[in-house]
Amino acid sequence: MVTREEISELLVSRGVFPTAQRLDVALLILAKPQHLSAEEIIAGVRAMGSRVSKATVYNTLNLLRERGLLRTVDVDPTRQYYDSSIQAHHHFYNVDTGELTDIPPDRVTLNVNTALPPGTEQTGVDVVIRVRGRAKNSSKKSLMSSV
């Protein structure tokens, strides 16, 4: 389990001033590998007893993302998750349950048979494979640990 002090040190190391509310948000999302929506984070922080506004949570999440502590996963134009696993990887997204499952980067092969637009360079590839239905014994988990 990650301690509040460890999270504080991590924030400071990335140039983030560790206010009490930032620590609450960071402790919740960075405590383990997971994918949470902003709404889930707001509810979780408030369940911890913190009085935090939506604006503070969103601002903190954006700051953590800018400082390389979080990634965002856009699963459709209206839904975004925050991913505490910052190393490169891909996702299955269950459109029925909202569940995201990590896929190791070496388990996805992408063959793009065209040149990049002139004057551009590739900065990354994020694959989200949308699935439907509920697998037996399914829970939020990562395939990355089973590789």
Protein backbone atom coordinates (compact mmCIF):
# COMPACT_ATOMS: atom_id res chain seq x y z
CA MET A 1 0.00 0.00 0.00
CA VAL A 2 1.27 3.42 -0.95
CA THR A 3 1.45 5.91 1.90
CA ARG A 4 0.38 9.54 1.85
CA GLU A 5 4.00 10.54 2.44
CA GLU A 6 5.18 8.50 -0.56
CA ILE A 7 2.53 10.13 -2.75
CA SER A 8 3.58 13.55 -1.44
CA GLU A 9 7.22 12.84 -2.34
CA LEU A 10 6.18 11.62 -5.80
CA LEU A 11 4.19 14.79 -6.45
CA VAL A 12 7.03 17.03 -5.29
CA SER A 13 9.48 15.09 -7.52
CA ARG A 14 7.26 15.98 -10.51
CA GLY A 15 6.92 19.64 -9.52
CA VAL A 16 3.41 19.35 -8.09
CA PHE A 17 2.73 21.17 -4.83
CA PRO A 18 1.05 18.54 -2.59
CA THR A 19 -2.07 20.23 -1.22
CA ALA A 20 -4.36 18.11 0.93
CA GLN A 21 -6.91 17.75 -1.86
CA ARG A 22 -4.29 16.88 -4.49
CA LEU A 23 -2.92 14.26 -2.13
CA ASP A 24 -6.40 12.77 -1.67
CA VAL A 25 -6.93 12.51 -5.43
CA ALA A 26 -3.43 11.19 -6.10
CA LEU A 27 -3.62 8.67 -3.27
CA LEU A 28 -6.83 7.26 -4.68
CA ILE A 29 -5.77 6.95 -8.32
CA LEU A 30 -2.05 6.19 -7.90
CA ALA A 31 -2.39 3.61 -5.11
CA LYS A 32 -2.54 0.70 -7.59
CA PRO A 33 -2.85 -0.01 -11.31
CA GLN A 34 -6.42 0.91 -12.22
CA HIS A 35 -8.73 2.76 -14.58
CA LEU A 36 -11.17 5.19 -13.02
CA SER A 37 -13.49 7.84 -14.41
CA ALA A 38 -13.45 11.32 -12.91
CA GLU A 39 -16.85 10.58 -11.38
CA GLU A 40 -15.49 7.45 -9.69
CA ILE A 41 -12.53 9.45 -8.37
CA ILE A 42 -14.79 12.22 -7.04
CA ALA A 43 -16.98 9.65 -5.27
CA GLY A 44 -13.94 7.81 -3.88
CA VAL A 45 -12.27 10.95 -2.55
CA ARG A 46 -15.50 12.10 -0.95
CA ALA A 47 -15.97 8.64 0.59
CA MET A 48 -12.54 9.15 2.20
CA GLY A 49 -14.05 12.18 3.95
CA SER A 50 -12.48 14.84 1.76
CA ARG A 51 -14.51 17.87 0.81
CA VAL A 52 -13.37 18.38 -2.73
CA SER A 53 -15.04 20.11 -5.67
CA LYS A 54 -15.41 18.60 -9.13
CA ALA A 55 -13.26 21.40 -10.53
CA THR A 56 -10.42 20.58 -8.11
CA VAL A 57 -10.55 16.89 -9.03
CA TYR A 58 -10.51 17.63 -12.77
CA ASN A 59 -7.72 20.20 -12.39
CA THR A 60 -5.68 17.77 -10.29
CA LEU A 61 -6.18 14.91 -12.76
CA ASN A 62 -5.12 17.15 -15.65
CA LEU A 63 -2.05 18.27 -13.70
CA LEU A 64 -1.09 14.67 -12.86
CA ARG A 65 -1.47 13.76 -16.54
CA GLU A 66 0.62 16.74 -17.67
CA ARG A 67 3.37 15.73 -15.21
CA GLY A 68 3.43 12.14 -16.49
CA LEU A 69 1.83 10.47 -13.48
CA LEU A 70 -1.36 9.39 -15.27
CA ARG A 71 -2.55 8.53 -18.74
CA THR A 72 -5.99 9.15 -20.13
CA VAL A 73 -7.93 6.57 -22.11
CA ASP A 74 -10.64 7.98 -24.35
CA VAL A 75 -13.06 5.13 -25.00
CA ASP A 76 -15.61 7.23 -26.88
CA PRO A 77 -16.20 10.95 -27.44
CA THR A 78 -18.02 11.33 -24.11
CA ARG A 79 -16.14 8.96 -21.82
CA GLN A 80 -12.59 9.20 -20.49
CA TYR A 81 -10.79 7.09 -17.92
CA TYR A 82 -7.66 7.87 -15.94
CA ASP A 83 -5.05 5.12 -16.03
CA SER A 84 -2.42 4.89 -13.31
CA SER A 85 -0.24 2.59 -15.46
CA ILE A 86 1.89 5.05 -17.41
CA GLN A 87 3.97 2.55 -19.39
CA ALA A 88 2.85 1.96 -22.99
CA HIS A 89 -0.03 -0.50 -23.30
CA HIS A 90 -3.41 -0.97 -24.96
CA HIS A 91 -6.92 -1.76 -23.75
CA PHE A 92 -10.02 -3.83 -24.21
CA TYR A 93 -13.09 -1.71 -23.44
CA ASN A 94 -16.35 -3.48 -22.66
CA VAL A 95 -19.09 -1.20 -23.98
CA ASP A 96 -21.73 -3.03 -21.89
CA THR A 97 -19.96 -2.90 -18.52
CA GLY A 98 -17.53 0.02 -18.87
CA GLU A 99 -14.67 -2.28 -17.88
CA LEU A 100 -11.17 -1.56 -19.19
CA THR A 101 -8.60 -4.36 -19.32
CA ASP A 102 -4.93 -3.72 -20.05
CA ILE A 103 -3.26 -5.42 -23.02
CA PRO A 104 0.56 -5.57 -23.10
CA PRO A 105 1.99 -3.59 -26.02
CA ASP A 106 3.70 -6.66 -27.50
CA ARG A 107 0.32 -8.43 -27.79
CA VAL A 108 -1.01 -5.98 -30.40
CA THR A 109 0.39 -5.78 -33.92
CA LEU A 110 -0.50 -2.79 -36.04
CA ASN A 111 0.51 -2.55 -39.67
CA VAL A 112 0.00 0.91 -41.16
CA ASN A 113 0.72 0.80 -44.89
CA THR A 114 0.97 4.51 -45.55
CA ALA A 115 3.42 7.28 -44.87
CA LEU A 116 2.84 9.79 -42.11
CA PRO A 117 1.56 13.17 -43.24
CA PRO A 118 4.39 15.45 -44.39
CA GLY A 119 6.15 17.29 -41.57
CA THR A 120 4.86 14.98 -38.82
CA GLU A 121 6.36 12.30 -36.62
CA GLN A 122 4.69 9.47 -34.73
CA THR A 123 4.43 10.13 -31.00
CA GLY A 124 2.56 7.02 -29.93
CA VAL A 125 -0.11 4.45 -30.61
CA ASP A 126 -3.02 3.84 -28.26
CA VAL A 127 -5.31 0.97 -29.23
CA VAL A 128 -8.72 0.52 -27.62
CA ILE A 129 -10.52 -2.65 -28.73
CA ARG A 130 -14.22 -2.41 -27.99
CA VAL A 131 -15.96 -5.62 -26.91
CA ARG A 132 -19.49 -6.43 -25.81
CA GLY A 133 -20.86 -8.84 -23.20
CA ARG A 134 -19.75 -10.03 -19.81
CA ALA A 135 -17.13 -12.74 -19.59
CA LYS A 136 -17.57 -15.37 -16.88
CA ASN A 137 -15.68 -14.51 -13.68
CA SER A 138 -14.80 -11.13 -15.14
CA SER A 139 -13.55 -8.31 -12.95
CA LYS A 140 -11.41 -5.25 -13.45
CA LYS A 141 -7.99 -6.69 -14.09
CA SER A 142 -4.91 -6.47 -16.21
CA LEU A 143 -3.66 -8.95 -18.75
CA MET A 144 -0.23 -7.38 -18.35
CA SER A 145 0.49 -9.32 -15.16
CA SER A 146 -0.42 -12.63 -16.81
CA VAL A 147 2.14 -12.29 -19.60
